[in-house]
Amino acid sequence: MGTGTETVTFATCGHTDRVQITWTGGREQRERKAAWVAANLTCPSCREIATAARGIAAIESGLVGSSKQCAWAEDIRTAYLARWDETRARLEAAADTDERAAVMLARGVEIAATTDAKWWIDNARCSSIEATLLREFPAPVASSAPEVPHSMRASAWPAGTRGLRVGR
């Protein structure tokens, strides 16, 4: 396995820079890898500028945090909010008759208005606001077990018989 630096002209921006490339084959593989980097990646300085620009835009949109945090959080928030209108409509329709849906709707509105970049980053594992709401408000589990008659409950047994094993 070889590691070395190659001078590459990036196709996306036209800048020339030296990049470190690792390869396992011979010279042909190193050249192929360098060509792929030049065709598919952005140079480090343009990447930094784009991240800063996204961070500034996110800060201007109301997110609070460092410019890198805001850039990252804005991407996450955009993905979250993409499906929020659909979820919100369903919750609003159900909120009149379902108290749980009303609470979830209020929390969803609160989440959508969150401006803390750290919160968005910390909750990035959930795919949408709906997933976050379902994590925070799990569906009530309906008991399918039949009601146990009073005479069969342990509290109705004569003293001294509790905990006895019957049959074997």
N, C-alpha and C. Protein backbone atom coordinates (compact mmCIF):
# COMPACT_ATOMS: atom_id res chain seq x y z
N MET A 1 0.85 -1.17 0.00
CA MET A 1 0.00 0.00 0.00
C MET A 1 0.89 1.23 0.00
N GLY A 2 0.54 2.18 -0.86
CA GLY A 2 1.34 3.38 -0.94
C GLY A 2 0.58 4.60 -0.54
N THR A 3 1.28 5.59 -0.05
CA THR A 3 0.69 6.87 0.30
C THR A 3 1.60 7.95 -0.24
N GLY A 4 1.01 8.94 -0.85
CA GLY A 4 1.81 10.03 -1.38
C GLY A 4 0.93 11.23 -1.68
N THR A 5 1.56 12.31 -2.05
CA THR A 5 0.80 13.51 -2.40
C THR A 5 0.88 13.70 -3.90
N GLU A 6 -0.22 14.13 -4.46
CA GLU A 6 -0.32 14.40 -5.89
C GLU A 6 -0.83 15.82 -6.08
N THR A 7 -0.37 16.45 -7.12
CA THR A 7 -0.89 17.76 -7.48
C THR A 7 -2.10 17.53 -8.37
N VAL A 8 -3.25 18.06 -7.95
CA VAL A 8 -4.51 17.81 -8.63
C VAL A 8 -5.17 19.14 -8.97
N THR A 9 -5.76 19.23 -10.16
CA THR A 9 -6.57 20.39 -10.54
C THR A 9 -8.02 19.94 -10.43
N PHE A 10 -8.76 20.55 -9.53
CA PHE A 10 -10.13 20.16 -9.26
C PHE A 10 -11.05 20.67 -10.35
N ALA A 11 -11.89 19.79 -10.90
CA ALA A 11 -12.79 20.14 -11.99
C ALA A 11 -13.92 21.06 -11.52
N THR A 12 -14.35 20.93 -10.28
CA THR A 12 -15.49 21.71 -9.80
C THR A 12 -15.17 23.19 -9.65
N CYS A 13 -13.91 23.52 -9.31
CA CYS A 13 -13.57 24.93 -9.08
C CYS A 13 -12.38 25.41 -9.90
N GLY A 14 -11.60 24.48 -10.43
CA GLY A 14 -10.44 24.86 -11.24
C GLY A 14 -9.18 25.14 -10.45
N HIS A 15 -9.24 25.05 -9.13
CA HIS A 15 -8.07 25.29 -8.30
C HIS A 15 -7.13 24.08 -8.34
N THR A 16 -5.86 24.36 -8.17
CA THR A 16 -4.85 23.30 -8.11
C THR A 16 -4.33 23.23 -6.69
N ASP A 17 -4.23 22.00 -6.17
CA ASP A 17 -3.77 21.81 -4.80
C ASP A 17 -3.13 20.44 -4.70
N ARG A 18 -2.33 20.26 -3.67
CA ARG A 18 -1.72 18.96 -3.41
C ARG A 18 -2.61 18.21 -2.42
N VAL A 19 -2.91 16.96 -2.76
CA VAL A 19 -3.75 16.12 -1.90
C VAL A 19 -3.03 14.82 -1.61
N GLN A 20 -3.30 14.28 -0.45
CA GLN A 20 -2.70 12.99 -0.08
C GLN A 20 -3.58 11.88 -0.62
N ILE A 21 -2.96 10.92 -1.28
CA ILE A 21 -3.68 9.80 -1.88
C ILE A 21 -3.06 8.50 -1.37
N THR A 22 -3.92 7.55 -1.02
CA THR A 22 -3.48 6.22 -0.60
C THR A 22 -3.96 5.22 -1.64
N TRP A 23 -3.10 4.33 -2.04
CA TRP A 23 -3.46 3.34 -3.04
C TRP A 23 -2.84 2.00 -2.67
N THR A 24 -3.39 0.93 -3.25
CA THR A 24 -2.87 -0.40 -2.96
C THR A 24 -2.19 -1.03 -4.16
N GLY A 25 -2.49 -0.56 -5.35
CA GLY A 25 -1.91 -1.15 -6.56
C GLY A 25 -0.67 -0.38 -7.01
N GLY A 26 -0.46 -0.39 -8.28
CA GLY A 26 0.71 0.29 -8.84
C GLY A 26 0.43 1.72 -9.23
N ARG A 27 1.28 2.21 -10.13
CA ARG A 27 1.21 3.60 -10.58
C ARG A 27 -0.13 3.90 -11.26
N GLU A 28 -0.68 2.93 -12.00
CA GLU A 28 -1.95 3.16 -12.70
C GLU A 28 -3.09 3.45 -11.72
N GLN A 29 -3.11 2.70 -10.62
CA GLN A 29 -4.16 2.92 -9.63
C GLN A 29 -4.00 4.29 -8.98
N ARG A 30 -2.77 4.68 -8.68
CA ARG A 30 -2.52 5.99 -8.09
C ARG A 30 -3.02 7.09 -9.02
N GLU A 31 -2.75 6.96 -10.30
CA GLU A 31 -3.19 7.96 -11.27
C GLU A 31 -4.71 7.96 -11.41
N ARG A 32 -5.34 6.77 -11.40
CA ARG A 32 -6.80 6.70 -11.46
C ARG A 32 -7.43 7.36 -10.24
N LYS A 33 -6.85 7.11 -9.09
CA LYS A 33 -7.38 7.70 -7.86
C LYS A 33 -7.23 9.22 -7.88
N ALA A 34 -6.10 9.71 -8.34
CA ALA A 34 -5.89 11.15 -8.44
C ALA A 34 -6.88 11.77 -9.43
N ALA A 35 -7.16 11.09 -10.54
CA ALA A 35 -8.13 11.58 -11.52
C ALA A 35 -9.53 11.62 -10.92
N TRP A 36 -9.87 10.58 -10.12
CA TRP A 36 -11.19 10.56 -9.48
C TRP A 36 -11.33 11.72 -8.50
N VAL A 37 -10.31 11.96 -7.70
CA VAL A 37 -10.33 13.07 -6.74
C VAL A 37 -10.52 14.38 -7.48
N ALA A 38 -9.80 14.57 -8.58
CA ALA A 38 -9.90 15.81 -9.35
C ALA A 38 -11.30 15.99 -9.93
N ALA A 39 -11.94 14.91 -10.36
CA ALA A 39 -13.25 15.01 -11.01
C ALA A 39 -14.41 15.11 -10.02
N ASN A 40 -14.28 14.53 -8.84
CA ASN A 40 -15.44 14.40 -7.95
C ASN A 40 -15.40 15.21 -6.66
N LEU A 41 -14.26 15.70 -6.26
CA LEU A 41 -14.18 16.42 -4.99
C LEU A 41 -13.95 17.92 -5.23
N THR A 42 -14.17 18.68 -4.18
CA THR A 42 -13.92 20.12 -4.20
C THR A 42 -12.64 20.37 -3.43
N CYS A 43 -11.91 21.38 -3.84
CA CYS A 43 -10.65 21.67 -3.16
C CYS A 43 -10.91 22.08 -1.71
N PRO A 44 -9.94 21.86 -0.83
CA PRO A 44 -10.14 22.16 0.60
C PRO A 44 -10.53 23.61 0.87
N SER A 45 -9.94 24.58 0.17
CA SER A 45 -10.27 25.98 0.45
C SER A 45 -11.70 26.30 0.02
N CYS A 46 -12.16 25.77 -1.13
CA CYS A 46 -13.55 26.00 -1.55
C CYS A 46 -14.53 25.30 -0.62
N ARG A 47 -14.16 24.13 -0.13
CA ARG A 47 -15.00 23.41 0.82
C ARG A 47 -15.18 24.22 2.10
N GLU A 48 -14.09 24.81 2.56
CA GLU A 48 -14.14 25.64 3.77
C GLU A 48 -15.00 26.87 3.55
N ILE A 49 -14.85 27.51 2.40
CA ILE A 49 -15.64 28.70 2.07
C ILE A 49 -17.12 28.34 2.00
N ALA A 50 -17.44 27.19 1.37
CA ALA A 50 -18.85 26.76 1.26
C ALA A 50 -19.44 26.47 2.63
N THR A 51 -18.66 25.83 3.49
CA THR A 51 -19.14 25.53 4.85
C THR A 51 -19.39 26.82 5.61
N ALA A 52 -18.49 27.76 5.50
CA ALA A 52 -18.66 29.06 6.18
C ALA A 52 -19.88 29.79 5.63
N ALA A 53 -20.07 29.75 4.31
CA ALA A 53 -21.23 30.43 3.71
C ALA A 53 -22.53 29.79 4.18
N ARG A 54 -22.57 28.44 4.23
CA ARG A 54 -23.76 27.76 4.73
C ARG A 54 -24.00 28.11 6.19
N GLY A 55 -22.91 28.20 6.95
CA GLY A 55 -23.02 28.56 8.37
C GLY A 55 -23.57 29.96 8.55
N ILE A 56 -23.10 30.90 7.75
CA ILE A 56 -23.58 32.29 7.83
C ILE A 56 -25.06 32.33 7.45
N ALA A 57 -25.43 31.61 6.39
CA ALA A 57 -26.84 31.57 5.99
C ALA A 57 -27.70 30.97 7.08
N ALA A 58 -27.20 29.93 7.73
CA ALA A 58 -27.96 29.29 8.81
C ALA A 58 -28.09 30.22 10.00
N ILE A 59 -27.03 30.95 10.32
CA ILE A 59 -27.09 31.91 11.42
C ILE A 59 -28.11 33.00 11.09
N GLU A 60 -28.10 33.46 9.85
CA GLU A 60 -29.06 34.48 9.43
C GLU A 60 -30.49 33.96 9.48
N SER A 61 -30.66 32.64 9.28
CA SER A 61 -32.00 32.06 9.34
C SER A 61 -32.46 31.87 10.78
N GLY A 62 -31.57 32.14 11.74
CA GLY A 62 -31.98 32.10 13.13
C GLY A 62 -31.32 31.04 13.98
N LEU A 63 -30.49 30.19 13.41
CA LEU A 63 -29.84 29.17 14.23
C LEU A 63 -28.76 29.81 15.10
N VAL A 64 -28.58 29.25 16.29
CA VAL A 64 -27.61 29.77 17.24
C VAL A 64 -26.53 28.72 17.45
N GLY A 65 -25.26 29.12 17.27
CA GLY A 65 -24.12 28.23 17.43
C GLY A 65 -22.97 28.74 16.59
N SER A 66 -21.89 27.95 16.53
CA SER A 66 -20.77 28.36 15.69
C SER A 66 -21.16 28.21 14.23
N SER A 67 -20.39 28.81 13.32
CA SER A 67 -20.76 28.75 11.91
C SER A 67 -20.74 27.30 11.39
N LYS A 68 -19.79 26.49 11.86
CA LYS A 68 -19.75 25.08 11.44
C LYS A 68 -20.96 24.32 11.98
N GLN A 69 -21.30 24.57 13.25
CA GLN A 69 -22.47 23.92 13.84
C GLN A 69 -23.73 24.32 13.08
N CYS A 70 -23.84 25.61 12.78
CA CYS A 70 -25.04 26.10 12.10
C CYS A 70 -25.15 25.53 10.69
N ALA A 71 -24.03 25.40 9.99
CA ALA A 71 -24.06 24.82 8.64
C ALA A 71 -24.53 23.37 8.70
N TRP A 72 -24.00 22.62 9.64
CA TRP A 72 -24.37 21.22 9.81
C TRP A 72 -25.83 21.11 10.25
N ALA A 73 -26.22 21.92 11.22
CA ALA A 73 -27.57 21.87 11.76
C ALA A 73 -28.60 22.29 10.71
N GLU A 74 -28.26 23.23 9.85
CA GLU A 74 -29.20 23.68 8.82
C GLU A 74 -29.53 22.54 7.85
N ASP A 75 -28.52 21.74 7.50
CA ASP A 75 -28.77 20.58 6.63
C ASP A 75 -29.72 19.60 7.31
N ILE A 76 -29.49 19.36 8.59
CA ILE A 76 -30.33 18.42 9.35
C ILE A 76 -31.74 18.98 9.47
N ARG A 77 -31.83 20.27 9.81
CA ARG A 77 -33.13 20.91 10.00
C ARG A 77 -33.94 20.92 8.71
N THR A 78 -33.28 21.16 7.59
CA THR A 78 -33.97 21.17 6.30
C THR A 78 -34.57 19.80 6.01
N ALA A 79 -33.81 18.75 6.29
CA ALA A 79 -34.31 17.39 6.08
C ALA A 79 -35.48 17.10 7.02
N TYR A 80 -35.39 17.55 8.26
CA TYR A 80 -36.46 17.36 9.23
C TYR A 80 -37.74 18.04 8.76
N LEU A 81 -37.60 19.30 8.37
CA LEU A 81 -38.78 20.11 8.06
C LEU A 81 -39.40 19.76 6.71
N ALA A 82 -38.70 18.98 5.89
CA ALA A 82 -39.22 18.62 4.57
C ALA A 82 -40.56 17.89 4.68
N ARG A 83 -40.72 17.04 5.68
CA ARG A 83 -41.96 16.29 5.84
C ARG A 83 -42.85 16.84 6.95
N TRP A 84 -42.49 17.92 7.57
CA TRP A 84 -43.24 18.43 8.71
C TRP A 84 -44.64 18.86 8.34
N ASP A 85 -44.84 19.49 7.16
CA ASP A 85 -46.17 19.96 6.78
C ASP A 85 -47.17 18.82 6.71
N GLU A 86 -46.74 17.68 6.15
CA GLU A 86 -47.60 16.50 6.05
C GLU A 86 -47.95 15.97 7.45
N THR A 87 -46.95 15.85 8.30
CA THR A 87 -47.16 15.36 9.66
C THR A 87 -48.05 16.32 10.44
N ARG A 88 -47.78 17.61 10.28
CA ARG A 88 -48.56 18.62 10.99
C ARG A 88 -50.03 18.55 10.60
N ALA A 89 -50.31 18.37 9.30
CA ALA A 89 -51.70 18.28 8.84
C ALA A 89 -52.40 17.08 9.46
N ARG A 90 -51.72 15.94 9.52
CA ARG A 90 -52.32 14.74 10.14
C ARG A 90 -52.59 14.96 11.62
N LEU A 91 -51.63 15.58 12.31
CA LEU A 91 -51.81 15.82 13.75
C LEU A 91 -52.92 16.83 14.01
N GLU A 92 -53.01 17.88 13.17
CA GLU A 92 -54.08 18.87 13.35
C GLU A 92 -55.45 18.23 13.15
N ALA A 93 -55.55 17.32 12.18
CA ALA A 93 -56.83 16.64 11.94
C ALA A 93 -57.22 15.76 13.12
N ALA A 94 -56.25 15.14 13.75
CA ALA A 94 -56.54 14.23 14.87
C ALA A 94 -56.59 14.94 16.21
N ALA A 95 -56.09 16.16 16.30
CA ALA A 95 -55.97 16.85 17.59
C ALA A 95 -57.31 17.16 18.23
N ASP A 96 -58.37 17.29 17.43
CA ASP A 96 -59.68 17.61 18.00
C ASP A 96 -60.23 16.48 18.86
N THR A 97 -59.90 15.24 18.49
CA THR A 97 -60.46 14.10 19.22
C THR A 97 -59.43 13.32 20.02
N ASP A 98 -58.15 13.52 19.74
CA ASP A 98 -57.10 12.74 20.40
C ASP A 98 -56.18 13.68 21.18
N GLU A 99 -56.18 13.52 22.49
CA GLU A 99 -55.35 14.40 23.33
C GLU A 99 -53.87 14.19 23.06
N ARG A 100 -53.47 12.95 22.81
CA ARG A 100 -52.06 12.64 22.51
C ARG A 100 -51.60 13.37 21.24
N ALA A 101 -52.47 13.39 20.21
CA ALA A 101 -52.13 14.09 18.96
C ALA A 101 -51.99 15.58 19.20
N ALA A 102 -52.82 16.14 20.08
CA ALA A 102 -52.73 17.57 20.39
C ALA A 102 -51.42 17.90 21.07
N VAL A 103 -51.00 17.03 22.01
CA VAL A 103 -49.72 17.24 22.70
C VAL A 103 -48.56 17.09 21.71
N MET A 104 -48.65 16.08 20.84
CA MET A 104 -47.60 15.87 19.83
C MET A 104 -47.53 17.05 18.87
N LEU A 105 -48.67 17.61 18.49
CA LEU A 105 -48.69 18.77 17.60
C LEU A 105 -48.00 19.96 18.25
N ALA A 106 -48.31 20.21 19.52
CA ALA A 106 -47.68 21.33 20.23
C ALA A 106 -46.17 21.13 20.31
N ARG A 107 -45.74 19.91 20.61
CA ARG A 107 -44.30 19.63 20.69
C ARG A 107 -43.64 19.72 19.31
N GLY A 108 -44.34 19.29 18.26
CA GLY A 108 -43.81 19.40 16.90
C GLY A 108 -43.59 20.83 16.47
N VAL A 109 -44.53 21.70 16.81
CA VAL A 109 -44.38 23.12 16.51
C VAL A 109 -43.18 23.68 17.27
N GLU A 110 -43.02 23.26 18.51
CA GLU A 110 -41.88 23.68 19.33
C GLU A 110 -40.56 23.22 18.71
N ILE A 111 -40.52 21.97 18.23
CA ILE A 111 -39.31 21.44 17.60
C ILE A 111 -38.99 22.22 16.33
N ALA A 112 -40.00 22.46 15.50
CA ALA A 112 -39.78 23.17 14.23
C ALA A 112 -39.24 24.57 14.47
N ALA A 113 -39.57 25.17 15.60
CA ALA A 113 -39.11 26.52 15.91
C ALA A 113 -37.77 26.54 16.65
N THR A 114 -37.20 25.38 16.93
CA THR A 114 -35.94 25.31 17.68
C THR A 114 -34.82 25.97 16.88
N THR A 115 -34.07 26.84 17.55
CA THR A 115 -32.98 27.56 16.89
C THR A 115 -31.61 27.14 17.40
N ASP A 116 -31.55 26.22 18.34
CA ASP A 116 -30.28 25.78 18.90
C ASP A 116 -29.64 24.76 17.96
N ALA A 117 -28.53 25.11 17.33
CA ALA A 117 -27.85 24.21 16.39
C ALA A 117 -27.46 22.91 17.06
N LYS A 118 -27.03 22.99 18.31
CA LYS A 118 -26.62 21.79 19.04
C LYS A 118 -27.77 20.79 19.16
N TRP A 119 -28.99 21.28 19.40
CA TRP A 119 -30.14 20.39 19.51
C TRP A 119 -30.35 19.63 18.21
N TRP A 120 -30.27 20.32 17.08
CA TRP A 120 -30.48 19.67 15.78
C TRP A 120 -29.41 18.61 15.54
N ILE A 121 -28.16 18.91 15.89
CA ILE A 121 -27.07 17.96 15.69
C ILE A 121 -27.26 16.74 16.60
N ASP A 122 -27.60 17.00 17.86
CA ASP A 122 -27.78 15.91 18.82
C ASP A 122 -28.94 14.98 18.43
N ASN A 123 -29.94 15.52 17.73
CA ASN A 123 -31.12 14.73 17.36
C ASN A 123 -31.13 14.34 15.89
N ALA A 124 -29.97 14.34 15.27
CA ALA A 124 -29.87 14.04 13.84
C ALA A 124 -30.19 12.59 13.52
N ARG A 125 -30.10 11.70 14.48
CA ARG A 125 -30.34 10.28 14.20
C ARG A 125 -31.79 10.00 13.85
N CYS A 126 -32.71 10.80 14.34
CA CYS A 126 -34.11 10.62 13.96
C CYS A 126 -34.29 11.19 12.56
N SER A 127 -35.08 10.52 11.74
CA SER A 127 -35.19 10.91 10.34
C SER A 127 -36.13 12.08 10.10
N SER A 128 -36.99 12.39 11.06
CA SER A 128 -37.96 13.47 10.87
C SER A 128 -38.49 13.91 12.23
N ILE A 129 -39.23 14.99 12.21
CA ILE A 129 -39.88 15.45 13.44
C ILE A 129 -40.86 14.37 13.92
N GLU A 130 -41.51 13.71 12.97
CA GLU A 130 -42.45 12.65 13.33
C GLU A 130 -41.74 11.54 14.11
N ALA A 131 -40.55 11.14 13.67
CA ALA A 131 -39.79 10.11 14.38
C ALA A 131 -39.40 10.59 15.77
N THR A 132 -39.03 11.87 15.88
CA THR A 132 -38.69 12.43 17.19
C THR A 132 -39.91 12.42 18.10
N LEU A 133 -41.07 12.80 17.56
CA LEU A 133 -42.29 12.79 18.35
C LEU A 133 -42.66 11.39 18.80
N LEU A 134 -42.52 10.42 17.91
CA LEU A 134 -42.85 9.04 18.28
C LEU A 134 -41.88 8.50 19.32
N ARG A 135 -40.62 8.99 19.29
CA ARG A 135 -39.66 8.59 20.32
C ARG A 135 -40.04 9.22 21.65
N GLU A 136 -40.47 10.48 21.63
CA GLU A 136 -40.83 11.17 22.87
C GLU A 136 -42.18 10.73 23.40
N PHE A 137 -43.11 10.40 22.51
CA PHE A 137 -44.46 10.01 22.91
C PHE A 137 -44.79 8.65 22.31
N PRO A 138 -44.27 7.57 22.87
CA PRO A 138 -44.55 6.25 22.31
C PRO A 138 -46.04 5.95 22.36
N ALA A 139 -46.49 5.16 21.41
CA ALA A 139 -47.91 4.80 21.34
C ALA A 139 -48.31 4.02 22.58
N PRO A 140 -49.47 4.32 23.12
CA PRO A 140 -49.93 3.57 24.29
C PRO A 140 -50.14 2.10 23.91
N VAL A 141 -49.73 1.22 24.79
CA VAL A 141 -49.86 -0.21 24.55
C VAL A 141 -51.18 -0.68 25.12
N ALA A 142 -52.03 -1.22 24.26
CA ALA A 142 -53.32 -1.72 24.71
C ALA A 142 -53.10 -3.08 25.35
N SER A 143 -53.66 -3.26 26.52
CA SER A 143 -53.50 -4.53 27.22
C SER A 143 -54.42 -5.56 26.59
N SER A 144 -53.84 -6.67 26.14
CA SER A 144 -54.65 -7.73 25.55
C SER A 144 -54.91 -8.85 26.55
N ALA A 145 -54.35 -8.72 27.75
CA ALA A 145 -54.55 -9.74 28.78
C ALA A 145 -55.94 -9.58 29.38
N PRO A 146 -56.66 -10.69 29.56
CA PRO A 146 -57.99 -10.61 30.15
C PRO A 146 -57.90 -10.23 31.63
N GLU A 147 -58.95 -9.63 32.12
CA GLU A 147 -59.03 -9.26 33.52
C GLU A 147 -59.04 -10.53 34.38
N VAL A 148 -58.20 -10.56 35.41
CA VAL A 148 -58.12 -11.72 36.30
C VAL A 148 -59.23 -11.59 37.35
N PRO A 149 -60.08 -12.63 37.47
CA PRO A 149 -61.15 -12.57 38.48
C PRO A 149 -60.55 -12.43 39.88
N HIS A 150 -61.27 -11.77 40.78
CA HIS A 150 -60.80 -11.51 42.13
C HIS A 150 -60.43 -12.80 42.86
N SER A 151 -61.20 -13.85 42.66
CA SER A 151 -60.95 -15.10 43.39
C SER A 151 -59.63 -15.76 42.98
N MET A 152 -59.09 -15.37 41.83
CA MET A 152 -57.83 -15.97 41.38
C MET A 152 -56.63 -15.11 41.71
N ARG A 153 -56.86 -13.90 42.21
CA ARG A 153 -55.75 -13.02 42.56
C ARG A 153 -55.10 -13.50 43.85
N ALA A 154 -53.81 -13.30 43.97
CA ALA A 154 -53.06 -13.75 45.15
C ALA A 154 -53.59 -13.12 46.43
N SER A 155 -54.10 -11.90 46.34
CA SER A 155 -54.58 -11.22 47.55
C SER A 155 -55.82 -11.91 48.12
N ALA A 156 -56.53 -12.71 47.33
CA ALA A 156 -57.73 -13.40 47.80
C ALA A 156 -57.42 -14.77 48.38
N TRP A 157 -56.20 -15.22 48.30
CA TRP A 157 -55.85 -16.55 48.81
C TRP A 157 -55.72 -16.53 50.33
N PRO A 158 -55.96 -17.67 50.96
CA PRO A 158 -55.80 -17.75 52.41
C PRO A 158 -54.34 -17.50 52.80
N ALA A 159 -54.14 -16.95 53.98
CA ALA A 159 -52.78 -16.67 54.46
C ALA A 159 -51.97 -17.94 54.49
N GLY A 160 -50.72 -17.85 54.11
CA GLY A 160 -49.82 -18.99 54.14
C GLY A 160 -49.80 -19.78 52.84
N THR A 161 -50.71 -19.48 51.92
CA THR A 161 -50.73 -20.22 50.66
C THR A 161 -50.09 -19.44 49.51
N ARG A 162 -49.77 -18.21 49.75
CA ARG A 162 -49.15 -17.41 48.69
C ARG A 162 -47.77 -17.96 48.36
N GLY A 163 -47.46 -18.04 47.11
CA GLY A 163 -46.15 -18.48 46.68
C GLY A 163 -46.01 -19.99 46.60
N LEU A 164 -47.07 -20.75 46.96
CA LEU A 164 -46.99 -22.21 46.86
C LEU A 164 -47.08 -22.60 45.39
N ARG A 165 -46.34 -23.61 45.02
CA ARG A 165 -46.40 -24.12 43.66
C ARG A 165 -47.39 -25.27 43.63
N VAL A 166 -48.30 -25.22 42.74
CA VAL A 166 -49.32 -26.25 42.63
C VAL A 166 -48.96 -27.15 41.47
N GLY A 167 -48.94 -28.48 41.71
CA GLY A 167 -48.66 -29.44 40.65
C GLY A 167 -47.23 -29.40 40.16
N ARG A 168 -46.90 -30.39 39.44
CA ARG A 168 -45.57 -30.44 38.85
C ARG A 168 -45.52 -31.32 37.69
